[in-house]
Amino acid sequence: MASPLRRALVLIGGSVVAAAVMTVILDPPDTTALVLTFGVILLAALVLSYGVGYLGLSWVDTAYPMPEPTSNPTEPGTEASQADRENFKWMIREGIGVAIASLFGLILLVLFLLEETALIQSQQLTVGDIGVLTVLFVLVLTLFVVGLWSWRGR
């Protein structure tokens, strides 16, 4: 991403979409709960998106200026410290990726269990139930394929 404006728009747009989808899935009972749910999820998504995006920036591009040079300049980092820094960034990104995949997997599991509970209670399989189960299956398959793609990319 070339400009800070474009980066901010992508961050905000993705967070709004994530908050809207999660709010629809959670289905709050009234307007106040809907607004609060949307706001909390939006804030969490913004913080997570900023954290993930911040890890990809160089120190020159950050909002924190370098300290003023002193009479004793700091020594440049060694190759080992650079490698450690890159490994740390990689581990953080991987951890966040695993956390996001786990959250979506858990949401899909909860939705599937809710649908199965309703199916067992009704003892009838309707066209709507088949459609919902098909959507859940496609979402699980998509999550599985994205996970495989991610793990093979390492």
C-alpha atoms as a PDB file:
ATOM      1  CA  MET A   1       0.000   0.000   0.000  1.00  0.00           C
ATOM      2  CA  ALA A   2       1.503   3.211  -1.137  1.00  0.00           C
ATOM      3  CA  SER A   3      -0.170   5.953   0.859  1.00  0.00           C
ATOM      4  CA  PRO A   4      -1.213   6.276   4.496  1.00  0.00           C
ATOM      5  CA  LEU A   5      -4.719   7.290   3.371  1.00  0.00           C
ATOM      6  CA  ARG A   6      -5.156   4.089   1.388  1.00  0.00           C
ATOM      7  CA  ARG A   7      -3.822   2.037   4.301  1.00  0.00           C
ATOM      8  CA  ALA A   8      -6.261   3.748   6.689  1.00  0.00           C
ATOM      9  CA  LEU A   9      -9.200   3.231   4.330  1.00  0.00           C
ATOM     10  CA  VAL A  10      -8.431  -0.472   3.982  1.00  0.00           C
ATOM     11  CA  LEU A  11      -8.077  -0.795   7.761  1.00  0.00           C
ATOM     12  CA  ILE A  12     -11.377   0.979   8.441  1.00  0.00           C
ATOM     13  CA  GLY A  13     -13.257  -0.722   5.589  1.00  0.00           C
ATOM     14  CA  GLY A  14     -12.185  -4.210   6.615  1.00  0.00           C
ATOM     15  CA  SER A  15     -13.027  -3.513  10.237  1.00  0.00           C
ATOM     16  CA  VAL A  16     -16.500  -2.207   9.367  1.00  0.00           C
ATOM     17  CA  VAL A  17     -17.229  -5.290   7.262  1.00  0.00           C
ATOM     18  CA  ALA A  18     -15.995  -7.614  10.013  1.00  0.00           C
ATOM     19  CA  ALA A  19     -18.053  -5.782  12.637  1.00  0.00           C
ATOM     20  CA  ALA A  20     -21.176  -5.862  10.464  1.00  0.00           C
ATOM     21  CA  VAL A  21     -20.853  -9.587   9.751  1.00  0.00           C
ATOM     22  CA  MET A  22     -20.217 -10.464  13.403  1.00  0.00           C
ATOM     23  CA  THR A  23     -23.122  -8.268  14.526  1.00  0.00           C
ATOM     24  CA  VAL A  24     -25.468 -10.023  12.101  1.00  0.00           C
ATOM     25  CA  ILE A  25     -24.247 -13.428  13.280  1.00  0.00           C
ATOM     26  CA  LEU A  26     -24.664 -12.528  16.961  1.00  0.00           C
ATOM     27  CA  ASP A  27     -28.153 -11.062  16.309  1.00  0.00           C
ATOM     28  CA  PRO A  28     -28.549  -8.684  19.291  1.00  0.00           C
ATOM     29  CA  PRO A  29     -32.099  -8.440  20.719  1.00  0.00           C
ATOM     30  CA  ASP A  30     -32.602  -4.658  20.521  1.00  0.00           C
ATOM     31  CA  THR A  31     -31.137  -1.526  18.961  1.00  0.00           C
ATOM     32  CA  THR A  32     -28.993  -0.585  21.949  1.00  0.00           C
ATOM     33  CA  ALA A  33     -27.382  -4.013  22.071  1.00  0.00           C
ATOM     34  CA  LEU A  34     -26.937  -3.899  18.286  1.00  0.00           C
ATOM     35  CA  VAL A  35     -25.086  -0.565  18.419  1.00  0.00           C
ATOM     36  CA  LEU A  36     -22.962  -1.662  21.382  1.00  0.00           C
ATOM     37  CA  THR A  37     -22.098  -4.988  19.755  1.00  0.00           C
ATOM     38  CA  PHE A  38     -21.165  -3.301  16.494  1.00  0.00           C
ATOM     39  CA  GLY A  39     -19.056  -0.689  18.293  1.00  0.00           C
ATOM     40  CA  VAL A  40     -17.145  -3.173  20.443  1.00  0.00           C
ATOM     41  CA  ILE A  41     -16.419  -5.478  17.508  1.00  0.00           C
ATOM     42  CA  LEU A  42     -15.421  -2.498  15.335  1.00  0.00           C
ATOM     43  CA  LEU A  43     -13.009  -1.255  17.984  1.00  0.00           C
ATOM     44  CA  ALA A  44     -11.504  -4.733  18.430  1.00  0.00           C
ATOM     45  CA  ALA A  45     -11.114  -5.166  14.662  1.00  0.00           C
ATOM     46  CA  LEU A  46      -9.484  -1.735  14.307  1.00  0.00           C
ATOM     47  CA  VAL A  47      -6.994  -2.468  17.082  1.00  0.00           C
ATOM     48  CA  LEU A  48      -6.188  -5.904  15.645  1.00  0.00           C
ATOM     49  CA  SER A  49      -5.877  -4.561  12.095  1.00  0.00           C
ATOM     50  CA  TYR A  50      -3.636  -1.721  13.224  1.00  0.00           C
ATOM     51  CA  GLY A  51      -1.479  -4.148  15.209  1.00  0.00           C
ATOM     52  CA  VAL A  52      -1.058  -6.489  12.262  1.00  0.00           C
ATOM     53  CA  GLY A  53      -0.368  -3.612   9.856  1.00  0.00           C
ATOM     54  CA  TYR A  54       2.056  -1.941  12.266  1.00  0.00           C
ATOM     55  CA  LEU A  55       4.276  -5.033  12.302  1.00  0.00           C
ATOM     56  CA  GLY A  56       4.982  -4.598   8.608  1.00  0.00           C
ATOM     57  CA  LEU A  57       6.288  -1.027   8.893  1.00  0.00           C
ATOM     58  CA  SER A  58       9.900  -0.059   9.118  1.00  0.00           C
ATOM     59  CA  TRP A  59      11.061   2.038  12.046  1.00  0.00           C
ATOM     60  CA  VAL A  60      11.385   5.055   9.770  1.00  0.00           C
ATOM     61  CA  ASP A  61       7.659   4.949   8.918  1.00  0.00           C
ATOM     62  CA  THR A  62       6.372   4.744  12.487  1.00  0.00           C
ATOM     63  CA  ALA A  63       4.757   7.513  14.472  1.00  0.00           C
ATOM     64  CA  TYR A  64       7.494   7.333  17.094  1.00  0.00           C
ATOM     65  CA  PRO A  65      10.444   9.539  16.184  1.00  0.00           C
ATOM     66  CA  MET A  66      13.960   8.356  16.787  1.00  0.00           C
ATOM     67  CA  PRO A  67      15.563   9.783  19.907  1.00  0.00           C
ATOM     68  CA  GLU A  68      17.945  12.656  19.470  1.00  0.00           C
ATOM     69  CA  PRO A  69      21.479  11.547  18.750  1.00  0.00           C
ATOM     70  CA  THR A  70      23.700  11.564  21.774  1.00  0.00           C
ATOM     71  CA  SER A  71      27.435  11.870  22.082  1.00  0.00           C
ATOM     72  CA  ASN A  72      27.619   8.065  22.231  1.00  0.00           C
ATOM     73  CA  PRO A  73      25.919   6.790  19.095  1.00  0.00           C
ATOM     74  CA  THR A  74      24.324   3.387  19.368  1.00  0.00           C
ATOM     75  CA  GLU A  75      25.968   0.500  17.645  1.00  0.00           C
ATOM     76  CA  PRO A  76      24.237  -0.868  14.586  1.00  0.00           C
ATOM     77  CA  GLY A  77      22.361  -4.123  15.096  1.00  0.00           C
ATOM     78  CA  THR A  78      24.114  -7.366  14.373  1.00  0.00           C
ATOM     79  CA  GLU A  79      22.848  -9.940  11.913  1.00  0.00           C
ATOM     80  CA  ALA A  80      21.665 -12.100  14.804  1.00  0.00           C
ATOM     81  CA  SER A  81      19.613  -9.260  16.311  1.00  0.00           C
ATOM     82  CA  GLN A  82      18.094  -8.493  12.886  1.00  0.00           C
ATOM     83  CA  ALA A  83      17.230 -12.178  12.452  1.00  0.00           C
ATOM     84  CA  ASP A  84      15.696 -12.258  15.947  1.00  0.00           C
ATOM     85  CA  ARG A  85      13.629  -9.163  15.172  1.00  0.00           C
ATOM     86  CA  GLU A  86      12.339 -10.697  11.919  1.00  0.00           C
ATOM     87  CA  ASN A  87      11.584 -14.002  13.657  1.00  0.00           C
ATOM     88  CA  PHE A  88       9.656 -12.171  16.365  1.00  0.00           C
ATOM     89  CA  LYS A  89       7.564 -10.301  13.779  1.00  0.00           C
ATOM     90  CA  TRP A  90       6.927 -13.577  11.934  1.00  0.00           C
ATOM     91  CA  MET A  91       5.838 -15.318  15.168  1.00  0.00           C
ATOM     92  CA  ILE A  92       3.461 -12.483  16.056  1.00  0.00           C
ATOM     93  CA  ARG A  93       1.886 -12.545  12.589  1.00  0.00           C
ATOM     94  CA  GLU A  94       1.533 -16.318  12.675  1.00  0.00           C
ATOM     95  CA  GLY A  95       0.013 -16.167  16.159  1.00  0.00           C
ATOM     96  CA  ILE A  96      -2.526 -13.582  15.072  1.00  0.00           C
ATOM     97  CA  GLY A  97      -3.333 -15.654  11.982  1.00  0.00           C
ATOM     98  CA  VAL A  98      -3.884 -18.764  14.096  1.00  0.00           C
ATOM     99  CA  ALA A  99      -6.061 -16.785  16.511  1.00  0.00           C
ATOM    100  CA  ILE A 100      -8.214 -15.400  13.689  1.00  0.00           C
ATOM    101  CA  ALA A 101      -8.586 -18.828  12.069  1.00  0.00           C
ATOM    102  CA  SER A 102      -9.462 -20.345  15.446  1.00  0.00           C
ATOM    103  CA  LEU A 103     -12.114 -17.685  16.085  1.00  0.00           C
ATOM    104  CA  PHE A 104     -13.740 -18.235  12.702  1.00  0.00           C
ATOM    105  CA  GLY A 105     -13.546 -22.007  13.192  1.00  0.00           C
ATOM    106  CA  LEU A 106     -15.211 -21.674  16.586  1.00  0.00           C
ATOM    107  CA  ILE A 107     -17.933 -19.438  15.155  1.00  0.00           C
ATOM    108  CA  LEU A 108     -18.609 -21.977  12.406  1.00  0.00           C
ATOM    109  CA  LEU A 109     -18.733 -24.783  14.974  1.00  0.00           C
ATOM    110  CA  VAL A 110     -21.221 -22.849  17.118  1.00  0.00           C
ATOM    111  CA  LEU A 111     -23.408 -22.073  14.098  1.00  0.00           C
ATOM    112  CA  PHE A 112     -23.333 -25.732  13.038  1.00  0.00           C
ATOM    113  CA  LEU A 113     -24.258 -26.913  16.541  1.00  0.00           C
ATOM    114  CA  LEU A 114     -27.100 -24.392  16.762  1.00  0.00           C
ATOM    115  CA  GLU A 115     -28.420 -25.571  13.402  1.00  0.00           C
ATOM    116  CA  GLU A 116     -28.149 -29.227  14.399  1.00  0.00           C
ATOM    117  CA  THR A 117     -30.000 -28.554  17.656  1.00  0.00           C
ATOM    118  CA  ALA A 118     -32.839 -26.918  15.738  1.00  0.00           C
ATOM    119  CA  LEU A 119     -32.847 -29.818  13.250  1.00  0.00           C
ATOM    120  CA  ILE A 120     -33.027 -32.449  15.985  1.00  0.00           C
ATOM    121  CA  GLN A 121     -35.857 -30.621  17.757  1.00  0.00           C
ATOM    122  CA  SER A 122     -37.965 -30.230  14.609  1.00  0.00           C
ATOM    123  CA  GLN A 123     -37.454 -33.792  13.217  1.00  0.00           C
ATOM    124  CA  GLN A 124     -37.989 -32.387   9.713  1.00  0.00           C
ATOM    125  CA  LEU A 125     -35.477 -31.355   7.091  1.00  0.00           C
ATOM    126  CA  THR A 126     -36.736 -28.353   5.136  1.00  0.00           C
ATOM    127  CA  VAL A 127     -35.289 -26.606   2.103  1.00  0.00           C
ATOM    128  CA  GLY A 128     -34.165 -23.734   4.342  1.00  0.00           C
ATOM    129  CA  ASP A 129     -32.287 -26.133   6.616  1.00  0.00           C
ATOM    130  CA  ILE A 130     -30.557 -27.708   3.632  1.00  0.00           C
ATOM    131  CA  GLY A 131     -29.547 -24.244   2.394  1.00  0.00           C
ATOM    132  CA  VAL A 132     -28.152 -23.222   5.781  1.00  0.00           C
ATOM    133  CA  LEU A 133     -26.237 -26.491   6.126  1.00  0.00           C
ATOM    134  CA  THR A 134     -24.866 -26.038   2.602  1.00  0.00           C
ATOM    135  CA  VAL A 135     -23.662 -22.510   3.423  1.00  0.00           C
ATOM    136  CA  LEU A 136     -22.040 -23.782   6.630  1.00  0.00           C
ATOM    137  CA  PHE A 137     -20.349 -26.584   4.688  1.00  0.00           C
ATOM    138  CA  VAL A 138     -19.022 -24.142   2.082  1.00  0.00           C
ATOM    139  CA  LEU A 139     -17.715 -21.818   4.819  1.00  0.00           C
ATOM    140  CA  VAL A 140     -15.975 -24.709   6.598  1.00  0.00           C
ATOM    141  CA  LEU A 141     -14.480 -25.911   3.320  1.00  0.00           C
ATOM    142  CA  THR A 142     -13.284 -22.370   2.526  1.00  0.00           C
ATOM    143  CA  LEU A 143     -11.693 -22.033   5.968  1.00  0.00           C
ATOM    144  CA  PHE A 144     -10.002 -25.414   5.472  1.00  0.00           C
ATOM    145  CA  VAL A 145      -8.664 -24.478   2.019  1.00  0.00           C
ATOM    146  CA  VAL A 146      -7.360 -21.108   3.234  1.00  0.00           C
ATOM    147  CA  GLY A 147      -5.699 -22.855   6.185  1.00  0.00           C
ATOM    148  CA  LEU A 148      -3.998 -25.361   3.884  1.00  0.00           C
ATOM    149  CA  TRP A 149      -2.858 -22.587   1.562  1.00  0.00           C
ATOM    150  CA  SER A 150      -1.464 -20.651   4.506  1.00  0.00           C
ATOM    151  CA  TRP A 151       0.366 -23.629   6.007  1.00  0.00           C
ATOM    152  CA  ARG A 152       1.909 -24.659   2.686  1.00  0.00           C
ATOM    153  CA  GLY A 153       3.127 -21.084   2.142  1.00  0.00           C
ATOM    154  CA  ARG A 154       5.509 -21.310   5.086  1.00  0.00           C
END
